[in-house]
Amino acid sequence: GPALAEYLCFAQLCSVSHLEISPARDALTVHRRLDRGDRE
């Protein structure tokens, strides 16, 4: 996964637990799982 983002020069978001796509389909908002149950 991270290697794909590096070779493609794309943004990288790991350990995603929730995904939302913007109505214009040009951006996304995600919730990431962190240690000790935290979310980002």
PDB file of all heavy atoms in Angstrom:
ATOM      1  N   GLY A   1       0.806  -1.220   0.000  1.00  0.00           N
ATOM      2  CA  GLY A   1       0.000   0.000   0.000  1.00  0.00           C
ATOM      3  C   GLY A   1       0.834   1.262   0.000  1.00  0.00           C
ATOM      4  O   GLY A   1       0.688   2.126  -0.892  1.00  0.00           O
ATOM      5  N   PRO A   2       1.732   1.459   0.974  1.00  0.00           N
ATOM      6  CA  PRO A   2       2.581   2.659   0.948  1.00  0.00           C
ATOM      7  C   PRO A   2       3.476   2.739  -0.279  1.00  0.00           C
ATOM      8  O   PRO A   2       3.732   3.839  -0.796  1.00  0.00           O
ATOM      9  CB  PRO A   2       3.411   2.515   2.228  1.00  0.00           C
ATOM     10  CG  PRO A   2       2.569   1.676   3.148  1.00  0.00           C
ATOM     11  CD  PRO A   2       1.868   0.716   2.244  1.00  0.00           C
ATOM     12  N   ALA A   3       3.961   1.579  -0.772  1.00  0.00           N
ATOM     13  CA  ALA A   3       4.795   1.607  -1.971  1.00  0.00           C
ATOM     14  C   ALA A   3       3.993   2.065  -3.186  1.00  0.00           C
ATOM     15  O   ALA A   3       4.519   2.787  -4.048  1.00  0.00           O
ATOM     16  CB  ALA A   3       5.404   0.227  -2.218  1.00  0.00           C
ATOM     17  N   LEU A   4       2.747   1.655  -3.283  1.00  0.00           N
ATOM     18  CA  LEU A   4       1.888   2.118  -4.377  1.00  0.00           C
ATOM     19  C   LEU A   4       1.761   3.638  -4.362  1.00  0.00           C
ATOM     20  O   LEU A   4       1.871   4.297  -5.408  1.00  0.00           O
ATOM     21  CB  LEU A   4       0.505   1.469  -4.255  1.00  0.00           C
ATOM     22  CG  LEU A   4       0.293   0.105  -4.904  1.00  0.00           C
ATOM     23  CD1 LEU A   4      -1.090  -0.416  -4.571  1.00  0.00           C
ATOM     24  CD2 LEU A   4       0.498   0.175  -6.399  1.00  0.00           C
ATOM     25  N   ALA A   5       1.506   4.191  -3.187  1.00  0.00           N
ATOM     26  CA  ALA A   5       1.373   5.643  -3.081  1.00  0.00           C
ATOM     27  C   ALA A   5       2.663   6.344  -3.478  1.00  0.00           C
ATOM     28  O   ALA A   5       2.644   7.409  -4.112  1.00  0.00           O
ATOM     29  CB  ALA A   5       0.976   6.026  -1.653  1.00  0.00           C
ATOM     30  N   GLU A   6       3.804   5.733  -3.145  1.00  0.00           N
ATOM     31  CA  GLU A   6       5.095   6.344  -3.488  1.00  0.00           C
ATOM     32  C   GLU A   6       5.338   6.306  -4.997  1.00  0.00           C
ATOM     33  O   GLU A   6       5.753   7.306  -5.594  1.00  0.00           O
ATOM     34  CB  GLU A   6       6.212   5.594  -2.752  1.00  0.00           C
ATOM     35  CG  GLU A   6       7.604   6.127  -3.023  1.00  0.00           C
ATOM     36  CD  GLU A   6       7.847   7.506  -2.438  1.00  0.00           C
ATOM     37  OE1 GLU A   6       7.091   7.908  -1.522  1.00  0.00           O
ATOM     38  OE2 GLU A   6       8.783   8.180  -2.908  1.00  0.00           O
ATOM     39  N   TYR A   7       5.078   5.152  -5.619  1.00  0.00           N
ATOM     40  CA  TYR A   7       5.327   5.035  -7.058  1.00  0.00           C
ATOM     41  C   TYR A   7       4.337   5.869  -7.878  1.00  0.00           C
ATOM     42  O   TYR A   7       4.691   6.360  -8.960  1.00  0.00           O
ATOM     43  CB  TYR A   7       5.243   3.574  -7.480  1.00  0.00           C
ATOM     44  CG  TYR A   7       6.420   2.751  -7.015  1.00  0.00           C
ATOM     45  CD1 TYR A   7       6.236   1.494  -6.470  1.00  0.00           C
ATOM     46  CD2 TYR A   7       7.720   3.228  -7.134  1.00  0.00           C
ATOM     47  CE1 TYR A   7       7.314   0.729  -6.031  1.00  0.00           C
ATOM     48  CE2 TYR A   7       8.806   2.477  -6.695  1.00  0.00           C
ATOM     49  CZ  TYR A   7       8.602   1.238  -6.152  1.00  0.00           C
ATOM     50  OH  TYR A   7       9.662   0.490  -5.724  1.00  0.00           O
ATOM     51  N   LEU A   8       3.116   6.022  -7.387  1.00  0.00           N
ATOM     52  CA  LEU A   8       2.102   6.783  -8.116  1.00  0.00           C
ATOM     53  C   LEU A   8       2.113   8.266  -7.775  1.00  0.00           C
ATOM     54  O   LEU A   8       1.419   9.047  -8.426  1.00  0.00           O
ATOM     55  CB  LEU A   8       0.709   6.209  -7.806  1.00  0.00           C
ATOM     56  CG  LEU A   8       0.430   4.795  -8.299  1.00  0.00           C
ATOM     57  CD1 LEU A   8      -0.877   4.274  -7.711  1.00  0.00           C
ATOM     58  CD2 LEU A   8       0.383   4.755  -9.822  1.00  0.00           C
ATOM     59  N   CYS A   9       2.853   8.644  -6.699  1.00  0.00           N
ATOM     60  CA  CYS A   9       2.867  10.029  -6.211  1.00  0.00           C
ATOM     61  C   CYS A   9       1.464  10.473  -5.802  1.00  0.00           C
ATOM     62  O   CYS A   9       1.034  11.602  -6.107  1.00  0.00           O
ATOM     63  CB  CYS A   9       3.452  10.981  -7.266  1.00  0.00           C
ATOM     64  SG  CYS A   9       5.184  10.648  -7.645  1.00  0.00           S
ATOM     65  N   PHE A  10       0.732   9.559  -5.115  1.00  0.00           N
ATOM     66  CA  PHE A  10      -0.602   9.851  -4.611  1.00  0.00           C
ATOM     67  C   PHE A  10      -0.542  10.055  -3.102  1.00  0.00           C
ATOM     68  O   PHE A  10       0.409   9.619  -2.430  1.00  0.00           O
ATOM     69  CB  PHE A  10      -1.570   8.695  -4.911  1.00  0.00           C
ATOM     70  CG  PHE A  10      -1.960   8.571  -6.356  1.00  0.00           C
ATOM     71  CD1 PHE A  10      -2.779   7.533  -6.771  1.00  0.00           C
ATOM     72  CD2 PHE A  10      -1.525   9.480  -7.299  1.00  0.00           C
ATOM     73  CE1 PHE A  10      -3.145   7.411  -8.100  1.00  0.00           C
ATOM     74  CE2 PHE A  10      -1.882   9.368  -8.630  1.00  0.00           C
ATOM     75  CZ  PHE A  10      -2.696   8.332  -9.033  1.00  0.00           C
ATOM     76  N   ALA A  11      -1.568  10.707  -2.588  1.00  0.00           N
ATOM     77  CA  ALA A  11      -1.709  10.807  -1.135  1.00  0.00           C
ATOM     78  C   ALA A  11      -1.955   9.412  -0.555  1.00  0.00           C
ATOM     79  O   ALA A  11      -2.571   8.560  -1.194  1.00  0.00           O
ATOM     80  CB  ALA A  11      -2.847  11.743  -0.779  1.00  0.00           C
ATOM     81  N   GLN A  12      -1.480   9.195   0.665  1.00  0.00           N
ATOM     82  CA  GLN A  12      -1.570   7.872   1.295  1.00  0.00           C
ATOM     83  C   GLN A  12      -2.270   7.981   2.648  1.00  0.00           C
ATOM     84  O   GLN A  12      -1.900   8.807   3.478  1.00  0.00           O
ATOM     85  CB  GLN A  12      -0.176   7.285   1.482  1.00  0.00           C
ATOM     86  CG  GLN A  12      -0.137   6.046   2.342  1.00  0.00           C
ATOM     87  CD  GLN A  12       1.257   5.720   2.812  1.00  0.00           C
ATOM     88  OE1 GLN A  12       2.235   6.207   2.266  1.00  0.00           O
ATOM     89  NE2 GLN A  12       1.364   4.895   3.834  1.00  0.00           N
ATOM     90  N   LEU A  13      -3.293   7.127   2.863  1.00  0.00           N
ATOM     91  CA  LEU A  13      -4.031   7.080   4.120  1.00  0.00           C
ATOM     92  C   LEU A  13      -4.143   5.622   4.542  1.00  0.00           C
ATOM     93  O   LEU A  13      -4.778   4.822   3.856  1.00  0.00           O
ATOM     94  CB  LEU A  13      -5.424   7.709   3.968  1.00  0.00           C
ATOM     95  CG  LEU A  13      -5.438   9.191   3.546  1.00  0.00           C
ATOM     96  CD1 LEU A  13      -6.841   9.630   3.185  1.00  0.00           C
ATOM     97  CD2 LEU A  13      -4.882  10.059   4.661  1.00  0.00           C
ATOM     98  N   CYS A  14      -3.526   5.278   5.663  1.00  0.00           N
ATOM     99  CA  CYS A  14      -3.472   3.888   6.117  1.00  0.00           C
ATOM    100  C   CYS A  14      -4.436   3.655   7.274  1.00  0.00           C
ATOM    101  O   CYS A  14      -4.827   4.592   7.985  1.00  0.00           O
ATOM    102  CB  CYS A  14      -2.056   3.518   6.544  1.00  0.00           C
ATOM    103  SG  CYS A  14      -0.852   3.589   5.206  1.00  0.00           S
ATOM    104  N   SER A  15      -4.798   2.385   7.458  1.00  0.00           N
ATOM    105  CA  SER A  15      -5.672   1.942   8.562  1.00  0.00           C
ATOM    106  C   SER A  15      -6.966   2.741   8.607  1.00  0.00           C
ATOM    107  O   SER A  15      -7.368   3.263   9.642  1.00  0.00           O
ATOM    108  CB  SER A  15      -4.932   2.039   9.898  1.00  0.00           C
ATOM    109  OG  SER A  15      -3.805   1.194   9.920  1.00  0.00           O
ATOM    110  N   VAL A  16      -7.632   2.830   7.461  1.00  0.00           N
ATOM    111  CA  VAL A  16      -8.891   3.584   7.364  1.00  0.00           C
ATOM    112  C   VAL A  16     -10.028   2.736   7.918  1.00  0.00           C
ATOM    113  O   VAL A  16     -10.173   1.560   7.573  1.00  0.00           O
ATOM    114  CB  VAL A  16      -9.161   3.973   5.894  1.00  0.00           C
ATOM    115  CG1 VAL A  16     -10.529   4.622   5.752  1.00  0.00           C
ATOM    116  CG2 VAL A  16      -8.060   4.901   5.389  1.00  0.00           C
ATOM    117  N   SER A  17     -10.840   3.337   8.790  1.00  0.00           N
ATOM    118  CA  SER A  17     -11.992   2.643   9.364  1.00  0.00           C
ATOM    119  C   SER A  17     -13.322   3.198   8.872  1.00  0.00           C
ATOM    120  O   SER A  17     -14.362   2.561   9.069  1.00  0.00           O
ATOM    121  CB  SER A  17     -11.945   2.725  10.894  1.00  0.00           C
ATOM    122  OG  SER A  17     -11.965   4.080  11.326  1.00  0.00           O
ATOM    123  N   HIS A  18     -13.318   4.371   8.266  1.00  0.00           N
ATOM    124  CA  HIS A  18     -14.553   4.982   7.744  1.00  0.00           C
ATOM    125  C   HIS A  18     -14.180   5.834   6.550  1.00  0.00           C
ATOM    126  O   HIS A  18     -13.158   6.533   6.561  1.00  0.00           O
ATOM    127  CB  HIS A  18     -15.242   5.817   8.815  1.00  0.00           C
ATOM    128  CG  HIS A  18     -16.510   6.465   8.340  1.00  0.00           C
ATOM    129  ND1 HIS A  18     -17.672   5.752   8.086  1.00  0.00           N
ATOM    130  CD2 HIS A  18     -16.791   7.753   8.060  1.00  0.00           C
ATOM    131  CE1 HIS A  18     -18.612   6.583   7.683  1.00  0.00           C
ATOM    132  NE2 HIS A  18     -18.105   7.797   7.653  1.00  0.00           N
ATOM    133  N   LEU A  19     -15.019   5.791   5.507  1.00  0.00           N
ATOM    134  CA  LEU A  19     -14.717   6.472   4.249  1.00  0.00           C
ATOM    135  C   LEU A  19     -15.924   7.279   3.802  1.00  0.00           C
ATOM    136  O   LEU A  19     -17.051   6.779   3.801  1.00  0.00           O
ATOM    137  CB  LEU A  19     -14.335   5.444   3.176  1.00  0.00           C
ATOM    138  CG  LEU A  19     -14.166   5.950   1.740  1.00  0.00           C
ATOM    139  CD1 LEU A  19     -12.992   6.919   1.646  1.00  0.00           C
ATOM    140  CD2 LEU A  19     -13.980   4.786   0.784  1.00  0.00           C
ATOM    141  N   GLU A  20     -15.676   8.540   3.412  1.00  0.00           N
ATOM    142  CA  GLU A  20     -16.710   9.413   2.854  1.00  0.00           C
ATOM    143  C   GLU A  20     -16.144  10.106   1.619  1.00  0.00           C
ATOM    144  O   GLU A  20     -15.037  10.651   1.661  1.00  0.00           O
ATOM    145  CB  GLU A  20     -17.161  10.460   3.875  1.00  0.00           C
ATOM    146  CG  GLU A  20     -17.863   9.887   5.103  1.00  0.00           C
ATOM    147  CD  GLU A  20     -18.264  10.963   6.083  1.00  0.00           C
ATOM    148  OE1 GLU A  20     -18.042  12.161   5.769  1.00  0.00           O
ATOM    149  OE2 GLU A  20     -18.793  10.627   7.157  1.00  0.00           O
ATOM    150  N   ILE A  21     -16.908  10.071   0.535  1.00  0.00           N
ATOM    151  CA  ILE A  21     -16.511  10.715  -0.721  1.00  0.00           C
ATOM    152  C   ILE A  21     -17.312  12.002  -0.879  1.00  0.00           C
ATOM    153  O   ILE A  21     -18.517  12.035  -0.608  1.00  0.00           O
ATOM    154  CB  ILE A  21     -16.740   9.793  -1.926  1.00  0.00           C
ATOM    155  CG1 ILE A  21     -16.048   8.443  -1.702  1.00  0.00           C
ATOM    156  CG2 ILE A  21     -16.233  10.436  -3.204  1.00  0.00           C
ATOM    157  CD1 ILE A  21     -14.558   8.498  -1.663  1.00  0.00           C
ATOM    158  N   SER A  22     -16.664  13.054  -1.314  1.00  0.00           N
ATOM    159  CA  SER A  22     -17.349  14.333  -1.506  1.00  0.00           C
ATOM    160  C   SER A  22     -18.363  14.221  -2.642  1.00  0.00           C
ATOM    161  O   SER A  22     -18.216  13.389  -3.543  1.00  0.00           O
ATOM    162  CB  SER A  22     -16.330  15.433  -1.812  1.00  0.00           C
ATOM    163  OG  SER A  22     -15.702  15.177  -3.056  1.00  0.00           O
ATOM    164  N   PRO A  23     -19.412  15.036  -2.618  1.00  0.00           N
ATOM    165  CA  PRO A  23     -20.409  14.982  -3.700  1.00  0.00           C
ATOM    166  C   PRO A  23     -19.803  15.226  -5.080  1.00  0.00           C
ATOM    167  O   PRO A  23     -20.292  14.687  -6.073  1.00  0.00           O
ATOM    168  CB  PRO A  23     -21.401  16.096  -3.324  1.00  0.00           C
ATOM    169  CG  PRO A  23     -21.248  16.259  -1.842  1.00  0.00           C
ATOM    170  CD  PRO A  23     -19.816  15.975  -1.550  1.00  0.00           C
ATOM    171  N   ALA A  24     -18.752  16.019  -5.154  1.00  0.00           N
ATOM    172  CA  ALA A  24     -18.117  16.288  -6.442  1.00  0.00           C
ATOM    173  C   ALA A  24     -17.181  15.170  -6.879  1.00  0.00           C
ATOM    174  O   ALA A  24     -16.621  15.232  -7.987  1.00  0.00           O
ATOM    175  CB  ALA A  24     -17.344  17.601  -6.380  1.00  0.00           C
ATOM    176  N   ARG A  25     -16.987  14.157  -6.009  1.00  0.00           N
ATOM    177  CA  ARG A  25     -16.121  13.010  -6.302  1.00  0.00           C
ATOM    178  C   ARG A  25     -14.666  13.433  -6.565  1.00  0.00           C
ATOM    179  O   ARG A  25     -13.965  12.800  -7.349  1.00  0.00           O
ATOM    180  CB  ARG A  25     -16.631  12.224  -7.526  1.00  0.00           C
ATOM    181  CG  ARG A  25     -18.036  11.670  -7.370  1.00  0.00           C
ATOM    182  CD  ARG A  25     -18.053  10.508  -6.399  1.00  0.00           C
ATOM    183  NE  ARG A  25     -19.305   9.792  -6.421  1.00  0.00           N
ATOM    184  CZ  ARG A  25     -20.340  10.034  -5.613  1.00  0.00           C
ATOM    185  NH1 ARG A  25     -20.250  11.016  -4.728  1.00  0.00           N
ATOM    186  NH2 ARG A  25     -21.440   9.316  -5.685  1.00  0.00           N
ATOM    187  N   ASP A  26     -14.230  14.514  -5.915  1.00  0.00           N
ATOM    188  CA  ASP A  26     -12.852  14.967  -6.099  1.00  0.00           C
ATOM    189  C   ASP A  26     -12.055  14.988  -4.799  1.00  0.00           C
ATOM    190  O   ASP A  26     -10.880  15.373  -4.791  1.00  0.00           O
ATOM    191  CB  ASP A  26     -12.819  16.359  -6.737  1.00  0.00           C
ATOM    192  CG  ASP A  26     -13.521  17.402  -5.878  1.00  0.00           C
ATOM    193  OD1 ASP A  26     -14.224  17.007  -4.913  1.00  0.00           O
ATOM    194  OD2 ASP A  26     -13.378  18.603  -6.165  1.00  0.00           O
ATOM    195  N   ALA A  27     -12.671  14.577  -3.685  1.00  0.00           N
ATOM    196  CA  ALA A  27     -11.990  14.564  -2.391  1.00  0.00           C
ATOM    197  C   ALA A  27     -12.637  13.507  -1.508  1.00  0.00           C
ATOM    198  O   ALA A  27     -13.751  13.027  -1.774  1.00  0.00           O
ATOM    199  CB  ALA A  27     -12.050  15.937  -1.719  1.00  0.00           C
ATOM    200  N   LEU A  28     -11.943  13.134  -0.463  1.00  0.00           N
ATOM    201  CA  LEU A  28     -12.476  12.148   0.470  1.00  0.00           C
ATOM    202  C   LEU A  28     -12.094  12.525   1.895  1.00  0.00           C
ATOM    203  O   LEU A  28     -11.106  13.229   2.136  1.00  0.00           O
ATOM    204  CB  LEU A  28     -11.977  10.741   0.132  1.00  0.00           C
ATOM    205  CG  LEU A  28     -10.468  10.464   0.064  1.00  0.00           C
ATOM    206  CD1 LEU A  28      -9.888  10.185   1.447  1.00  0.00           C
ATOM    207  CD2 LEU A  28     -10.192   9.276  -0.840  1.00  0.00           C
ATOM    208  N   THR A  29     -12.902  12.046   2.824  1.00  0.00           N
ATOM    209  CA  THR A  29     -12.660  12.221   4.255  1.00  0.00           C
ATOM    210  C   THR A  29     -12.675  10.844   4.895  1.00  0.00           C
ATOM    211  O   THR A  29     -13.620  10.074   4.679  1.00  0.00           O
ATOM    212  CB  THR A  29     -13.733  13.108   4.903  1.00  0.00           C
ATOM    213  OG1 THR A  29     -13.758  14.374   4.238  1.00  0.00           O
ATOM    214  CG2 THR A  29     -13.431  13.311   6.386  1.00  0.00           C
ATOM    215  N   VAL A  30     -11.650  10.533   5.660  1.00  0.00           N
ATOM    216  CA  VAL A  30     -11.534   9.207   6.255  1.00  0.00           C
ATOM    217  C   VAL A  30     -11.290   9.329   7.747  1.00  0.00           C
ATOM    218  O   VAL A  30     -10.809  10.358   8.246  1.00  0.00           O
ATOM    219  CB  VAL A  30     -10.386   8.401   5.601  1.00  0.00           C
ATOM    220  CG1 VAL A  30     -10.596   8.260   4.117  1.00  0.00           C
ATOM    221  CG2 VAL A  30      -9.027   9.036   5.895  1.00  0.00           C
ATOM    222  N   HIS A  31     -11.648   8.261   8.456  1.00  0.00           N
ATOM    223  CA  HIS A  31     -11.294   8.099   9.855  1.00  0.00           C
ATOM    224  C   HIS A  31     -10.205   7.036   9.931  1.00  0.00           C
ATOM    225  O   HIS A  31     -10.387   5.916   9.431  1.00  0.00           O
ATOM    226  CB  HIS A  31     -12.504   7.664  10.678  1.00  0.00           C
ATOM    227  CG  HIS A  31     -13.583   8.689  10.734  1.00  0.00           C
ATOM    228  ND1 HIS A  31     -14.659   8.603  11.604  1.00  0.00           N
ATOM    229  CD2 HIS A  31     -13.778   9.841  10.033  1.00  0.00           C
ATOM    230  CE1 HIS A  31     -15.458   9.637  11.429  1.00  0.00           C
ATOM    231  NE2 HIS A  31     -14.940  10.403  10.471  1.00  0.00           N
ATOM    232  N   ARG A  32      -9.103   7.365  10.564  1.00  0.00           N
ATOM    233  CA  ARG A  32      -7.984   6.429  10.692  1.00  0.00           C
ATOM    234  C   ARG A  32      -7.921   5.866  12.104  1.00  0.00           C
ATOM    235  O   ARG A  32      -8.139   6.582  13.084  1.00  0.00           O
ATOM    236  CB  ARG A  32      -6.653   7.114  10.359  1.00  0.00           C
ATOM    237  CG  ARG A  32      -6.525   7.560   8.920  1.00  0.00           C
ATOM    238  CD  ARG A  32      -5.129   8.105   8.651  1.00  0.00           C
ATOM    239  NE  ARG A  32      -4.114   7.089   8.925  1.00  0.00           N
ATOM    240  CZ  ARG A  32      -3.142   7.233   9.832  1.00  0.00           C
ATOM    241  NH1 ARG A  32      -3.070   8.320  10.571  1.00  0.00           N
ATOM    242  NH2 ARG A  32      -2.266   6.265  10.012  1.00  0.00           N
ATOM    243  N   ARG A  33      -7.606   4.583  12.190  1.00  0.00           N
ATOM    244  CA  ARG A  33      -7.449   3.928  13.482  1.00  0.00           C
ATOM    245  C   ARG A  33      -6.026   4.129  13.976  1.00  0.00           C
ATOM    246  O   ARG A  33      -5.060   3.822  13.298  1.00  0.00           O
ATOM    247  CB  ARG A  33      -7.746   2.430  13.356  1.00  0.00           C
ATOM    248  CG  ARG A  33      -9.157   2.128  12.913  1.00  0.00           C
ATOM    249  CD  ARG A  33      -9.355   0.658  12.613  1.00  0.00           C
ATOM    250  NE  ARG A  33      -9.178  -0.159  13.805  1.00  0.00           N
ATOM    251  CZ  ARG A  33      -9.307  -1.476  13.810  1.00  0.00           C
ATOM    252  NH1 ARG A  33      -9.607  -2.123  12.702  1.00  0.00           N
ATOM    253  NH2 ARG A  33      -9.145  -2.151  14.919  1.00  0.00           N
ATOM    254  N   LEU A  34      -5.923   4.654  15.200  1.00  0.00           N
ATOM    255  CA  LEU A  34      -4.630   4.859  15.824  1.00  0.00           C
ATOM    256  C   LEU A  34      -4.481   3.924  17.018  1.00  0.00           C
ATOM    257  O   LEU A  34      -5.367   3.121  17.313  1.00  0.00           O
ATOM    258  CB  LEU A  34      -4.483   6.326  16.269  1.00  0.00           C
ATOM    259  CG  LEU A  34      -4.679   7.389  15.170  1.00  0.00           C
ATOM    260  CD1 LEU A  34      -4.511   8.776  15.754  1.00  0.00           C
ATOM    261  CD2 LEU A  34      -3.699   7.179  14.026  1.00  0.00           C
ATOM    262  N   ASP A  35      -3.368   4.019  17.692  1.00  0.00           N
ATOM    263  CA  ASP A  35      -3.123   3.180  18.857  1.00  0.00           C
ATOM    264  C   ASP A  35      -4.044   3.574  20.001  1.00  0.00           C
ATOM    265  O   ASP A  35      -4.497   4.722  20.112  1.00  0.00           O
ATOM    266  CB  ASP A  35      -1.662   3.309  19.308  1.00  0.00           C
ATOM    267  CG  ASP A  35      -0.700   2.754  18.266  1.00  0.00           C
ATOM    268  OD1 ASP A  35      -1.151   1.911  17.462  1.00  0.00           O
ATOM    269  OD2 ASP A  35       0.474   3.165  18.250  1.00  0.00           O
ATOM    270  N   ARG A  36      -4.310   2.598  20.880  1.00  0.00           N
ATOM    271  CA  ARG A  36      -5.100   2.797  22.097  1.00  0.00           C
ATOM    272  C   ARG A  36      -6.516   3.270  21.808  1.00  0.00           C
ATOM    273  O   ARG A  36      -7.123   3.999  22.592  1.00  0.00           O
ATOM    274  CB  ARG A  36      -4.401   3.781  23.043  1.00  0.00           C
ATOM    275  CG  ARG A  36      -3.012   3.331  23.479  1.00  0.00           C
ATOM    276  CD  ARG A  36      -2.350   4.334  24.386  1.00  0.00           C
ATOM    277  NE  ARG A  36      -1.019   3.890  24.779  1.00  0.00           N
ATOM    278  CZ  ARG A  36      -0.200   4.584  25.557  1.00  0.00           C
ATOM    279  NH1 ARG A  36      -0.577   5.783  26.004  1.00  0.00           N
ATOM    280  NH2 ARG A  36       0.988   4.102  25.860  1.00  0.00           N
ATOM    281  N   GLY A  37      -7.058   2.894  20.663  1.00  0.00           N
ATOM    282  CA  GLY A  37      -8.446   3.212  20.351  1.00  0.00           C
ATOM    283  C   GLY A  37      -8.690   4.622  19.858  1.00  0.00           C
ATOM    284  O   GLY A  37      -9.849   5.011  19.655  1.00  0.00           O
ATOM    285  N   ASP A  38      -7.650   5.419  19.644  1.00  0.00           N
ATOM    286  CA  ASP A  38      -7.832   6.785  19.146  1.00  0.00           C
ATOM    287  C   ASP A  38      -8.211   6.769  17.669  1.00  0.00           C
ATOM    288  O   ASP A  38      -7.941   5.810  16.950  1.00  0.00           O
ATOM    289  CB  ASP A  38      -6.561   7.612  19.350  1.00  0.00           C
ATOM    290  CG  ASP A  38      -6.245   7.837  20.820  1.00  0.00           C
ATOM    291  OD1 ASP A  38      -7.191   7.784  21.630  1.00  0.00           O
ATOM    292  OD2 ASP A  38      -5.064   8.046  21.159  1.00  0.00           O
ATOM    293  N   ARG A  39      -8.833   7.853  17.230  1.00  0.00           N
ATOM    294  CA  ARG A  39      -9.218   8.022  15.832  1.00  0.00           C
ATOM    295  C   ARG A  39      -8.700   9.351  15.321  1.00  0.00           C
ATOM    296  O   ARG A  39      -8.590  10.326  16.062  1.00  0.00           O
ATOM    297  CB  ARG A  39     -10.755   7.958  15.667  1.00  0.00           C
ATOM    298  CG  ARG A  39     -11.364   6.595  15.981  1.00  0.00           C
ATOM    299  CD  ARG A  39     -10.953   5.566  14.952  1.00  0.00           C
ATOM    300  NE  ARG A  39     -11.619   4.294  15.141  1.00  0.00           N
ATOM    301  CZ  ARG A  39     -11.156   3.315  15.894  1.00  0.00           C
ATOM    302  NH1 ARG A  39      -9.999   3.477  16.545  1.00  0.00           N
ATOM    303  NH2 ARG A  39     -11.804   2.179  16.011  1.00  0.00           N
ATOM    304  N   GLU A  40      -8.391   9.386  14.027  1.00  0.00           N
ATOM    305  CA  GLU A  40      -7.906  10.597  13.376  1.00  0.00           C
ATOM    306  C   GLU A  40      -8.734  10.831  12.121  1.00  0.00           C
ATOM    307  O   GLU A  40      -8.895   9.925  11.308  1.00  0.00           O
ATOM    308  CB  GLU A  40      -6.429  10.436  13.023  1.00  0.00           C
ATOM    309  CG  GLU A  40      -5.826  11.667  12.372  1.00  0.00           C
ATOM    310  CD  GLU A  40      -4.364  11.447  12.008  1.00  0.00           C
ATOM    311  OE1 GLU A  40      -4.083  10.484  11.261  1.00  0.00           O
ATOM    312  OE2 GLU A  40      -3.515  12.236  12.453  1.00  0.00           O
TER     313      GLU A  40
END
